[in-house]
Amino acid sequence: MDEKPKPGSELQTQRSEELVAHTPPDASPVWPTLAEAEMAVSIVLGEANVALSRTLEWAEGSLIEVDKESGQPVDVLVNGKLCFRGEVVTVAENFGVRITEIISNAAKID
C-alpha cells in the first residue's frame, strides 16, 4: 500500500531538512523541533520618558519624539532580548526591517 503524502508534507520535509542543515554541531537531537517554537519579536523605533500629565494631553495627531534620529538603526528584540539591529524598509504596503547587525552572544549576557 502506497500512502499519498499529506498536503504540505513536502514543505514540512524541506523545512526540517533546512533546519537540520543549520543545526549547530553540538545541538541536541531535539533541535529541529525546538527550532519551530515561535518567539515574540519586537521592533523598537525608539524610547521616550514622558510625564504622565503630558500623556493625558495626547490626542489623535499628537507627535511623540523618541531618542533616535531619523535613519538610525532600529532594535530588534527576540523575547525581550536585543538580538539584531536593522533599517526600516517597506515591503509592498507593509513595513519591514532589514537586518544590518547581529548582536553577539557575549553582548546578550547580563
PDB file of N, CA and C in Angstrom:
ATOM      1  N   MET A   1       0.823  -1.180   0.000  1.00  0.00           N
ATOM      2  CA  MET A   1       0.000   0.000   0.000  1.00  0.00           C
ATOM      3  C   MET A   1       0.869   1.247   0.000  1.00  0.00           C
ATOM      4  N   ASP A   2       0.708   2.038  -1.041  1.00  0.00           N
ATOM      5  CA  ASP A   2       1.424   3.312  -1.090  1.00  0.00           C
ATOM      6  C   ASP A   2       0.551   4.394  -0.493  1.00  0.00           C
ATOM      7  N   GLU A   3       1.092   5.076   0.500  1.00  0.00           N
ATOM      8  CA  GLU A   3       0.350   6.190   1.086  1.00  0.00           C
ATOM      9  C   GLU A   3       0.714   7.458   0.351  1.00  0.00           C
ATOM     10  N   LYS A   4      -0.289   8.268   0.057  1.00  0.00           N
ATOM     11  CA  LYS A   4      -0.042   9.554  -0.583  1.00  0.00           C
ATOM     12  C   LYS A   4       0.447  10.530   0.477  1.00  0.00           C
ATOM     13  N   PRO A   5       1.399  11.371   0.121  1.00  0.00           N
ATOM     14  CA  PRO A   5       1.838  12.366   1.110  1.00  0.00           C
ATOM     15  C   PRO A   5       0.695  13.316   1.440  1.00  0.00           C
ATOM     16  N   LYS A   6       0.642  13.702   2.684  1.00  0.00           N
ATOM     17  CA  LYS A   6      -0.379  14.657   3.118  1.00  0.00           C
ATOM     18  C   LYS A   6      -0.052  16.024   2.542  1.00  0.00           C
ATOM     19  N   PRO A   7      -1.081  16.835   2.274  1.00  0.00           N
ATOM     20  CA  PRO A   7      -0.803  18.194   1.766  1.00  0.00           C
ATOM     21  C   PRO A   7       0.122  18.933   2.712  1.00  0.00           C
ATOM     22  N   GLY A   8       1.128  19.571   2.140  1.00  0.00           N
ATOM     23  CA  GLY A   8       2.070  20.348   2.943  1.00  0.00           C
ATOM     24  C   GLY A   8       3.222  19.540   3.496  1.00  0.00           C
ATOM     25  N   SER A   9       3.173  18.199   3.382  1.00  0.00           N
ATOM     26  CA  SER A   9       4.237  17.383   3.966  1.00  0.00           C
ATOM     27  C   SER A   9       5.559  17.599   3.250  1.00  0.00           C
ATOM     28  N   GLU A  10       5.516  17.869   1.940  1.00  0.00           N
ATOM     29  CA  GLU A  10       6.750  18.148   1.212  1.00  0.00           C
ATOM     30  C   GLU A  10       7.412  19.407   1.759  1.00  0.00           C
ATOM     31  N   LEU A  11       6.591  20.431   2.032  1.00  0.00           N
ATOM     32  CA  LEU A  11       7.114  21.660   2.604  1.00  0.00           C
ATOM     33  C   LEU A  11       7.696  21.386   3.985  1.00  0.00           C
ATOM     34  N   GLN A  12       6.982  20.592   4.800  1.00  0.00           N
ATOM     35  CA  GLN A  12       7.458  20.274   6.138  1.00  0.00           C
ATOM     36  C   GLN A  12       8.786  19.527   6.066  1.00  0.00           C
ATOM     37  N   THR A  13       8.885  18.568   5.134  1.00  0.00           N
ATOM     38  CA  THR A  13      10.129  17.823   4.980  1.00  0.00           C
ATOM     39  C   THR A  13      11.257  18.757   4.582  1.00  0.00           C
ATOM     40  N   GLN A  14      10.986  19.666   3.642  1.00  0.00           N
ATOM     41  CA  GLN A  14      12.007  20.611   3.198  1.00  0.00           C
ATOM     42  C   GLN A  14      12.440  21.500   4.352  1.00  0.00           C
ATOM     43  N   ARG A  15      11.473  22.011   5.128  1.00  0.00           N
ATOM     44  CA  ARG A  15      11.817  22.884   6.258  1.00  0.00           C
ATOM     45  C   ARG A  15      12.634  22.115   7.284  1.00  0.00           C
ATOM     46  N   SER A  16      12.279  20.842   7.552  1.00  0.00           N
ATOM     47  CA  SER A  16      13.037  20.036   8.511  1.00  0.00           C
ATOM     48  C   SER A  16      14.452  19.818   8.018  1.00  0.00           C
ATOM     49  N   GLU A  17      14.600  19.545   6.701  1.00  0.00           N
ATOM     50  CA  GLU A  17      15.935  19.362   6.143  1.00  0.00           C
ATOM     51  C   GLU A  17      16.750  20.646   6.252  1.00  0.00           C
ATOM     52  N   GLU A  18      16.096  21.804   6.023  1.00  0.00           N
ATOM     53  CA  GLU A  18      16.803  23.073   6.155  1.00  0.00           C
ATOM     54  C   GLU A  18      17.255  23.285   7.588  1.00  0.00           C
ATOM     55  N   LEU A  19      16.406  22.931   8.550  1.00  0.00           N
ATOM     56  CA  LEU A  19      16.760  23.097   9.955  1.00  0.00           C
ATOM     57  C   LEU A  19      17.927  22.197  10.326  1.00  0.00           C
ATOM     58  N   VAL A  20      17.905  20.964   9.838  1.00  0.00           N
ATOM     59  CA  VAL A  20      18.994  20.046  10.122  1.00  0.00           C
ATOM     60  C   VAL A  20      20.287  20.595   9.525  1.00  0.00           C
ATOM     61  N   ALA A  21      20.192  21.169   8.315  1.00  0.00           N
ATOM     62  CA  ALA A  21      21.384  21.729   7.678  1.00  0.00           C
ATOM     63  C   ALA A  21      21.951  22.896   8.475  1.00  0.00           C
ATOM     64  N   HIS A  22      21.116  23.607   9.224  1.00  0.00           N
ATOM     65  CA  HIS A  22      21.560  24.758  10.005  1.00  0.00           C
ATOM     66  C   HIS A  22      21.744  24.422  11.479  1.00  0.00           C
ATOM     67  N   THR A  23      21.667  23.157  11.824  1.00  0.00           N
ATOM     68  CA  THR A  23      21.795  22.739  13.210  1.00  0.00           C
ATOM     69  C   THR A  23      23.247  22.846  13.668  1.00  0.00           C
ATOM     70  N   PRO A  24      23.480  23.517  14.790  1.00  0.00           N
ATOM     71  CA  PRO A  24      24.846  23.570  15.320  1.00  0.00           C
ATOM     72  C   PRO A  24      25.349  22.153  15.593  1.00  0.00           C
ATOM     73  N   PRO A  25      26.644  21.880  15.385  1.00  0.00           N
ATOM     74  CA  PRO A  25      27.164  20.525  15.546  1.00  0.00           C
ATOM     75  C   PRO A  25      26.956  19.940  16.939  1.00  0.00           C
ATOM     76  N   ASP A  26      26.950  20.778  17.969  1.00  0.00           N
ATOM     77  CA  ASP A  26      26.786  20.278  19.330  1.00  0.00           C
ATOM     78  C   ASP A  26      25.339  20.355  19.817  1.00  0.00           C
ATOM     79  N   ALA A  27      24.395  20.530  18.895  1.00  0.00           N
ATOM     80  CA  ALA A  27      22.989  20.701  19.269  1.00  0.00           C
ATOM     81  C   ALA A  27      22.360  19.376  19.659  1.00  0.00           C
ATOM     82  N   SER A  28      21.355  19.491  20.478  1.00  0.00           N
ATOM     83  CA  SER A  28      20.579  18.341  20.913  1.00  0.00           C
ATOM     84  C   SER A  28      19.815  17.755  19.728  1.00  0.00           C
ATOM     85  N   PRO A  29      19.480  16.465  19.773  1.00  0.00           N
ATOM     86  CA  PRO A  29      18.696  15.873  18.688  1.00  0.00           C
ATOM     87  C   PRO A  29      17.291  16.465  18.577  1.00  0.00           C
ATOM     88  N   VAL A  30      16.846  17.202  19.575  1.00  0.00           N
ATOM     89  CA  VAL A  30      15.522  17.821  19.505  1.00  0.00           C
ATOM     90  C   VAL A  30      15.571  19.197  18.866  1.00  0.00           C
ATOM     91  N   TRP A  31      16.749  19.619  18.395  1.00  0.00           N
ATOM     92  CA  TRP A  31      16.900  20.950  17.791  1.00  0.00           C
ATOM     93  C   TRP A  31      15.855  21.239  16.716  1.00  0.00           C
ATOM     94  N   PRO A  32      15.627  20.355  15.726  1.00  0.00           N
ATOM     95  CA  PRO A  32      14.624  20.689  14.696  1.00  0.00           C
ATOM     96  C   PRO A  32      13.248  20.973  15.285  1.00  0.00           C
ATOM     97  N   THR A  33      12.865  20.276  16.348  1.00  0.00           N
ATOM     98  CA  THR A  33      11.571  20.526  16.986  1.00  0.00           C
ATOM     99  C   THR A  33      11.588  21.861  17.719  1.00  0.00           C
ATOM    100  N   LEU A  34      12.646  22.141  18.453  1.00  0.00           N
ATOM    101  CA  LEU A  34      12.746  23.409  19.178  1.00  0.00           C
ATOM    102  C   LEU A  34      12.813  24.589  18.226  1.00  0.00           C
ATOM    103  N   ALA A  35      13.463  24.397  17.090  1.00  0.00           N
ATOM    104  CA  ALA A  35      13.622  25.483  16.131  1.00  0.00           C
ATOM    105  C   ALA A  35      12.285  25.947  15.574  1.00  0.00           C
ATOM    106  N   GLU A  36      11.250  25.143  15.694  1.00  0.00           N
ATOM    107  CA  GLU A  36       9.914  25.516  15.218  1.00  0.00           C
ATOM    108  C   GLU A  36       9.132  26.334  16.254  1.00  0.00           C
ATOM    109  N   ALA A  37       9.652  26.463  17.474  1.00  0.00           N
ATOM    110  CA  ALA A  37       8.956  27.219  18.513  1.00  0.00           C
ATOM    111  C   ALA A  37       8.858  28.682  18.100  1.00  0.00           C
ATOM    112  N   GLU A  38       7.705  29.273  18.315  1.00  0.00           N
ATOM    113  CA  GLU A  38       7.510  30.680  17.956  1.00  0.00           C
ATOM    114  C   GLU A  38       8.011  31.576  19.078  1.00  0.00           C
ATOM    115  N   MET A  39       8.645  32.679  18.677  1.00  0.00           N
ATOM    116  CA  MET A  39       9.207  33.636  19.615  1.00  0.00           C
ATOM    117  C   MET A  39       8.584  34.999  19.341  1.00  0.00           C
ATOM    118  N   ALA A  40       8.403  35.796  20.380  1.00  0.00           N
ATOM    119  CA  ALA A  40       7.887  37.151  20.214  1.00  0.00           C
ATOM    120  C   ALA A  40       9.015  38.047  19.701  1.00  0.00           C
ATOM    121  N   VAL A  41       8.755  38.734  18.599  1.00  0.00           N
ATOM    122  CA  VAL A  41       9.736  39.648  18.021  1.00  0.00           C
ATOM    123  C   VAL A  41       9.164  41.056  18.071  1.00  0.00           C
ATOM    124  N   SER A  42       9.933  41.990  18.623  1.00  0.00           N
ATOM    125  CA  SER A  42       9.515  43.388  18.725  1.00  0.00           C
ATOM    126  C   SER A  42      10.522  44.264  18.009  1.00  0.00           C
ATOM    127  N   ILE A  43      10.023  45.277  17.331  1.00  0.00           N
ATOM    128  CA  ILE A  43      10.873  46.250  16.671  1.00  0.00           C
ATOM    129  C   ILE A  43      10.747  47.547  17.470  1.00  0.00           C
ATOM    130  N   VAL A  44      11.872  48.057  17.982  1.00  0.00           N
ATOM    131  CA  VAL A  44      11.848  49.251  18.811  1.00  0.00           C
ATOM    132  C   VAL A  44      12.388  50.422  17.998  1.00  0.00           C
ATOM    133  N   LEU A  45      11.491  51.332  17.682  1.00  0.00           N
ATOM    134  CA  LEU A  45      11.854  52.523  16.912  1.00  0.00           C
ATOM    135  C   LEU A  45      12.632  53.513  17.764  1.00  0.00           C
ATOM    136  N   GLY A  46      12.289  53.583  19.037  1.00  0.00           N
ATOM    137  CA  GLY A  46      12.947  54.487  19.967  1.00  0.00           C
ATOM    138  C   GLY A  46      12.196  54.493  21.279  1.00  0.00           C
ATOM    139  N   GLU A  47      12.696  55.255  22.222  1.00  0.00           N
ATOM    140  CA  GLU A  47      12.068  55.346  23.538  1.00  0.00           C
ATOM    141  C   GLU A  47      12.007  56.798  23.971  1.00  0.00           C
ATOM    142  N   ALA A  48      11.102  57.068  24.905  1.00  0.00           N
ATOM    143  CA  ALA A  48      10.972  58.415  25.462  1.00  0.00           C
ATOM    144  C   ALA A  48      10.458  58.310  26.888  1.00  0.00           C
ATOM    145  N   ASN A  49      10.936  59.180  27.757  1.00  0.00           N
ATOM    146  CA  ASN A  49      10.396  59.312  29.110  1.00  0.00           C
ATOM    147  C   ASN A  49       9.536  60.564  29.118  1.00  0.00           C
ATOM    148  N   VAL A  50       8.265  60.373  29.426  1.00  0.00           N
ATOM    149  CA  VAL A  50       7.307  61.473  29.351  1.00  0.00           C
ATOM    150  C   VAL A  50       6.490  61.489  30.634  1.00  0.00           C
ATOM    151  N   ALA A  51       6.248  62.680  31.143  1.00  0.00           N
ATOM    152  CA  ALA A  51       5.421  62.828  32.344  1.00  0.00           C
ATOM    153  C   ALA A  51       4.002  62.362  32.054  1.00  0.00           C
ATOM    154  N   LEU A  52       3.391  61.744  33.030  1.00  0.00           N
ATOM    155  CA  LEU A  52       2.015  61.266  32.884  1.00  0.00           C
ATOM    156  C   LEU A  52       1.088  62.392  32.445  1.00  0.00           C
ATOM    157  N   SER A  53       1.286  63.587  33.004  1.00  0.00           N
ATOM    158  CA  SER A  53       0.417  64.714  32.656  1.00  0.00           C
ATOM    159  C   SER A  53       0.481  65.019  31.155  1.00  0.00           C
ATOM    160  N   ARG A  54       1.658  64.833  30.575  1.00  0.00           N
ATOM    161  CA  ARG A  54       1.798  65.097  29.138  1.00  0.00           C
ATOM    162  C   ARG A  54       1.062  64.038  28.312  1.00  0.00           C
ATOM    163  N   THR A  55       1.127  62.784  28.758  1.00  0.00           N
ATOM    164  CA  THR A  55       0.430  61.725  28.015  1.00  0.00           C
ATOM    165  C   THR A  55      -1.073  61.944  28.030  1.00  0.00           C
ATOM    166  N   LEU A  56      -1.568  62.560  29.092  1.00  0.00           N
ATOM    167  CA  LEU A  56      -3.014  62.830  29.175  1.00  0.00           C
ATOM    168  C   LEU A  56      -3.453  63.900  28.174  1.00  0.00           C
ATOM    169  N   GLU A  57      -2.483  64.680  27.669  1.00  0.00           N
ATOM    170  CA  GLU A  57      -2.782  65.715  26.675  1.00  0.00           C
ATOM    171  C   GLU A  57      -2.770  65.171  25.250  1.00  0.00           C
ATOM    172  N   TRP A  58      -2.239  63.968  25.062  1.00  0.00           N
ATOM    173  CA  TRP A  58      -2.139  63.416  23.714  1.00  0.00           C
ATOM    174  C   TRP A  58      -3.514  63.167  23.119  1.00  0.00           C
ATOM    175  N   ALA A  59      -3.586  63.414  21.831  1.00  0.00           N
ATOM    176  CA  ALA A  59      -4.817  63.167  21.081  1.00  0.00           C
ATOM    177  C   ALA A  59      -4.414  62.658  19.700  1.00  0.00           C
ATOM    178  N   GLU A  60      -5.386  62.274  18.936  1.00  0.00           N
ATOM    179  CA  GLU A  60      -5.107  61.836  17.575  1.00  0.00           C
ATOM    180  C   GLU A  60      -4.349  62.940  16.849  1.00  0.00           C
ATOM    181  N   GLY A  61      -3.232  62.606  16.239  1.00  0.00           N
ATOM    182  CA  GLY A  61      -2.410  63.590  15.548  1.00  0.00           C
ATOM    183  C   GLY A  61      -1.243  64.106  16.371  1.00  0.00           C
ATOM    184  N   SER A  62      -1.210  63.796  17.683  1.00  0.00           N
ATOM    185  CA  SER A  62      -0.084  64.218  18.520  1.00  0.00           C
ATOM    186  C   SER A  62       1.188  63.515  18.057  1.00  0.00           C
ATOM    187  N   LEU A  63       2.321  64.194  18.203  1.00  0.00           N
ATOM    188  CA  LEU A  63       3.615  63.615  17.857  1.00  0.00           C
ATOM    189  C   LEU A  63       4.368  63.258  19.128  1.00  0.00           C
ATOM    190  N   ILE A  64       5.016  62.108  19.114  1.00  0.00           N
ATOM    191  CA  ILE A  64       5.833  61.667  20.239  1.00  0.00           C
ATOM    192  C   ILE A  64       7.260  61.566  19.740  1.00  0.00           C
ATOM    193  N   GLU A  65       8.136  62.377  20.300  1.00  0.00           N
ATOM    194  CA  GLU A  65       9.536  62.371  19.895  1.00  0.00           C
ATOM    195  C   GLU A  65      10.273  61.293  20.689  1.00  0.00           C
ATOM    196  N   VAL A  66      11.069  60.491  19.981  1.00  0.00           N
ATOM    197  CA  VAL A  66      11.832  59.434  20.634  1.00  0.00           C
ATOM    198  C   VAL A  66      13.321  59.759  20.575  1.00  0.00           C
ATOM    199  N   ASP A  67      14.116  58.927  21.236  1.00  0.00           N
ATOM    200  CA  ASP A  67      15.538  59.203  21.407  1.00  0.00           C
ATOM    201  C   ASP A  67      16.424  58.846  20.217  1.00  0.00           C
ATOM    202  N   LYS A  68      15.851  58.430  19.099  1.00  0.00           N
ATOM    203  CA  LYS A  68      16.661  58.098  17.922  1.00  0.00           C
ATOM    204  C   LYS A  68      16.381  59.077  16.802  1.00  0.00           C
ATOM    205  N   GLU A  69      17.434  59.363  16.051  1.00  0.00           N
ATOM    206  CA  GLU A  69      17.281  60.240  14.899  1.00  0.00           C
ATOM    207  C   GLU A  69      16.803  59.443  13.700  1.00  0.00           C
ATOM    208  N   SER A  70      16.180  60.129  12.771  1.00  0.00           N
ATOM    209  CA  SER A  70      15.730  59.504  11.543  1.00  0.00           C
ATOM    210  C   SER A  70      16.920  58.858  10.834  1.00  0.00           C
ATOM    211  N   GLY A  71      16.748  57.641  10.381  1.00  0.00           N
ATOM    212  CA  GLY A  71      17.812  56.943   9.678  1.00  0.00           C
ATOM    213  C   GLY A  71      18.680  56.066  10.559  1.00  0.00           C
ATOM    214  N   GLN A  72      18.576  56.225  11.887  1.00  0.00           N
ATOM    215  CA  GLN A  72      19.344  55.360  12.788  1.00  0.00           C
ATOM    216  C   GLN A  72      18.730  53.963  12.795  1.00  0.00           C
ATOM    217  N   PRO A  73      19.549  52.943  13.051  1.00  0.00           N
ATOM    218  CA  PRO A  73      19.014  51.575  13.094  1.00  0.00           C
ATOM    219  C   PRO A  73      17.993  51.400  14.210  1.00  0.00           C
ATOM    220  N   VAL A  74      17.022  50.534  13.962  1.00  0.00           N
ATOM    221  CA  VAL A  74      16.048  50.177  14.989  1.00  0.00           C
ATOM    222  C   VAL A  74      16.531  48.905  15.675  1.00  0.00           C
ATOM    223  N   ASP A  75      16.082  48.682  16.904  1.00  0.00           N
ATOM    224  CA  ASP A  75      16.451  47.484  17.653  1.00  0.00           C
ATOM    225  C   ASP A  75      15.433  46.390  17.387  1.00  0.00           C
ATOM    226  N   VAL A  76      15.921  45.167  17.219  1.00  0.00           N
ATOM    227  CA  VAL A  76      15.050  44.006  17.036  1.00  0.00           C
ATOM    228  C   VAL A  76      15.242  43.121  18.262  1.00  0.00           C
ATOM    229  N   LEU A  77      14.173  42.975  19.047  1.00  0.00           N
ATOM    230  CA  LEU A  77      14.219  42.177  20.259  1.00  0.00           C
ATOM    231  C   LEU A  77      13.519  40.840  20.008  1.00  0.00           C
ATOM    232  N   VAL A  78      14.120  39.764  20.482  1.00  0.00           N
ATOM    233  CA  VAL A  78      13.505  38.442  20.421  1.00  0.00           C
ATOM    234  C   VAL A  78      13.268  38.019  21.861  1.00  0.00           C
ATOM    235  N   ASN A  79      12.003  37.815  22.195  1.00  0.00           N
ATOM    236  CA  ASN A  79      11.601  37.518  23.578  1.00  0.00           C
ATOM    237  C   ASN A  79      12.179  38.520  24.567  1.00  0.00           C
ATOM    238  N   GLY A  80      12.165  39.794  24.180  1.00  0.00           N
ATOM    239  CA  GLY A  80      12.592  40.868  25.063  1.00  0.00           C
ATOM    240  C   GLY A  80      14.094  41.108  25.112  1.00  0.00           C
ATOM    241  N   LYS A  81      14.884  40.326  24.394  1.00  0.00           N
ATOM    242  CA  LYS A  81      16.343  40.485  24.388  1.00  0.00           C
ATOM    243  C   LYS A  81      16.805  41.071  23.060  1.00  0.00           C
ATOM    244  N   LEU A  82      17.688  42.063  23.121  1.00  0.00           N
ATOM    245  CA  LEU A  82      18.231  42.669  21.910  1.00  0.00           C
ATOM    246  C   LEU A  82      19.087  41.641  21.178  1.00  0.00           C
ATOM    247  N   CYS A  83      18.714  41.321  19.941  1.00  0.00           N
ATOM    248  CA  CYS A  83      19.444  40.322  19.154  1.00  0.00           C
ATOM    249  C   CYS A  83      19.982  40.885  17.845  1.00  0.00           C
ATOM    250  N   PHE A  84      19.288  41.889  17.287  1.00  0.00           N
ATOM    251  CA  PHE A  84      19.667  42.431  15.989  1.00  0.00           C
ATOM    252  C   PHE A  84      19.415  43.929  15.958  1.00  0.00           C
ATOM    253  N   ARG A  85      20.004  44.590  14.971  1.00  0.00           N
ATOM    254  CA  ARG A  85      19.662  45.969  14.624  1.00  0.00           C
ATOM    255  C   ARG A  85      19.417  45.968  13.126  1.00  0.00           C
ATOM    256  N   GLY A  86      18.598  46.909  12.678  1.00  0.00           N
ATOM    257  CA  GLY A  86      18.313  46.935  11.258  1.00  0.00           C
ATOM    258  C   GLY A  86      17.728  48.247  10.809  1.00  0.00           C
ATOM    259  N   GLU A  87      17.453  48.319   9.511  1.00  0.00           N
ATOM    260  CA  GLU A  87      16.881  49.527   8.934  1.00  0.00           C
ATOM    261  C   GLU A  87      15.442  49.254   8.518  1.00  0.00           C
ATOM    262  N   VAL A  88      14.604  50.250   8.701  1.00  0.00           N
ATOM    263  CA  VAL A  88      13.199  50.126   8.332  1.00  0.00           C
ATOM    264  C   VAL A  88      13.082  50.213   6.813  1.00  0.00           C
ATOM    265  N   VAL A  89      12.335  49.276   6.239  1.00  0.00           N
ATOM    266  CA  VAL A  89      12.092  49.237   4.802  1.00  0.00           C
ATOM    267  C   VAL A  89      10.598  49.041   4.574  1.00  0.00           C
ATOM    268  N   THR A  90      10.172  49.236   3.344  1.00  0.00           N
ATOM    269  CA  THR A  90       8.791  48.912   3.006  1.00  0.00           C
ATOM    270  C   THR A  90       8.784  47.670   2.131  1.00  0.00           C
ATOM    271  N   VAL A  91       7.838  46.792   2.403  1.00  0.00           N
ATOM    272  CA  VAL A  91       7.652  45.564   1.651  1.00  0.00           C
ATOM    273  C   VAL A  91       6.205  45.574   1.196  1.00  0.00           C
ATOM    274  N   ALA A  92       6.004  45.826  -0.109  1.00  0.00           N
ATOM    275  CA  ALA A  92       4.656  46.045  -0.633  1.00  0.00           C
ATOM    276  C   ALA A  92       4.071  47.230   0.131  1.00  0.00           C
ATOM    277  N   GLU A  93       2.988  47.013   0.868  1.00  0.00           N
ATOM    278  CA  GLU A  93       2.372  48.109   1.623  1.00  0.00           C
ATOM    279  C   GLU A  93       2.665  48.018   3.117  1.00  0.00           C
ATOM    280  N   ASN A  94       3.560  47.111   3.506  1.00  0.00           N
ATOM    281  CA  ASN A  94       3.882  46.915   4.920  1.00  0.00           C
ATOM    282  C   ASN A  94       5.280  47.431   5.222  1.00  0.00           C
ATOM    283  N   PHE A  95       5.534  47.635   6.510  1.00  0.00           N
ATOM    284  CA  PHE A  95       6.880  47.946   6.965  1.00  0.00           C
ATOM    285  C   PHE A  95       7.612  46.645   7.246  1.00  0.00           C
ATOM    286  N   GLY A  96       8.913  46.678   7.132  1.00  0.00           N
ATOM    287  CA  GLY A  96       9.757  45.550   7.477  1.00  0.00           C
ATOM    288  C   GLY A  96      11.069  46.080   8.020  1.00  0.00           C
ATOM    289  N   VAL A  97      11.951  45.180   8.430  1.00  0.00           N
ATOM    290  CA  VAL A  97      13.270  45.567   8.928  1.00  0.00           C
ATOM    291  C   VAL A  97      14.307  44.698   8.231  1.00  0.00           C
ATOM    292  N   ARG A  98      15.275  45.329   7.608  1.00  0.00           N
ATOM    293  CA  ARG A  98      16.415  44.621   7.014  1.00  0.00           C
ATOM    294  C   ARG A  98      17.501  44.565   8.076  1.00  0.00           C
ATOM    295  N   ILE A  99      17.914  43.359   8.447  1.00  0.00           N
ATOM    296  CA  ILE A  99      18.933  43.174   9.485  1.00  0.00           C
ATOM    297  C   ILE A  99      20.268  43.712   8.975  1.00  0.00           C
ATOM    298  N   THR A 100      20.876  44.590   9.762  1.00  0.00           N
ATOM    299  CA  THR A 100      22.184  45.156   9.396  1.00  0.00           C
ATOM    300  C   THR A 100      23.269  44.799  10.401  1.00  0.00           C
ATOM    301  N   GLU A 101      22.856  44.308  11.579  1.00  0.00           N
ATOM    302  CA  GLU A 101      23.840  43.974  12.614  1.00  0.00           C
ATOM    303  C   GLU A 101      23.297  42.850  13.481  1.00  0.00           C
ATOM    304  N   ILE A 102      24.138  41.873  13.748  1.00  0.00           N
ATOM    305  CA  ILE A 102      23.787  40.791  14.667  1.00  0.00           C
ATOM    306  C   ILE A 102      24.531  41.068  15.965  1.00  0.00           C
ATOM    307  N   ILE A 103      23.781  41.123  17.053  1.00  0.00           N
ATOM    308  CA  ILE A 103      24.379  41.385  18.359  1.00  0.00           C
ATOM    309  C   ILE A 103      25.015  40.086  18.853  1.00  0.00           C
ATOM    310  N   SER A 104      26.272  40.117  19.242  1.00  0.00           N
ATOM    311  CA  SER A 104      26.978  38.905  19.640  1.00  0.00           C
ATOM    312  C   SER A 104      26.397  38.326  20.916  1.00  0.00           C
ATOM    313  N   ASN A 105      26.606  37.024  21.093  1.00  0.00           N
ATOM    314  CA  ASN A 105      26.132  36.344  22.312  1.00  0.00           C
ATOM    315  C   ASN A 105      26.746  36.954  23.562  1.00  0.00           C
ATOM    316  N   ALA A 106      27.980  37.396  23.494  1.00  0.00           N
ATOM    317  CA  ALA A 106      28.645  37.981  24.655  1.00  0.00           C
ATOM    318  C   ALA A 106      27.916  39.247  25.107  1.00  0.00           C
ATOM    319  N   ALA A 107      27.416  40.019  24.137  1.00  0.00           N
ATOM    320  CA  ALA A 107      26.715  41.262  24.476  1.00  0.00           C
ATOM    321  C   ALA A 107      25.343  40.979  25.057  1.00  0.00           C
ATOM    322  N   LYS A 108      24.758  39.798  24.798  1.00  0.00           N
ATOM    323  CA  LYS A 108      23.420  39.474  25.284  1.00  0.00           C
ATOM    324  C   LYS A 108      23.426  38.967  26.716  1.00  0.00           C
ATOM    325  N   ILE A 109      24.576  38.565  27.214  1.00  0.00           N
ATOM    326  CA  ILE A 109      24.648  38.024  28.576  1.00  0.00           C
ATOM    327  C   ILE A 109      24.619  39.177  29.570  1.00  0.00           C
ATOM    328  N   ASP A 110      23.685  39.088  30.509  1.00  0.00           N
ATOM    329  CA  ASP A 110      23.538  40.171  31.502  1.00  0.00           C
ATOM    330  C   ASP A 110      24.624  40.133  32.538  1.00  0.00           C
TER     331      ASP A 110
END
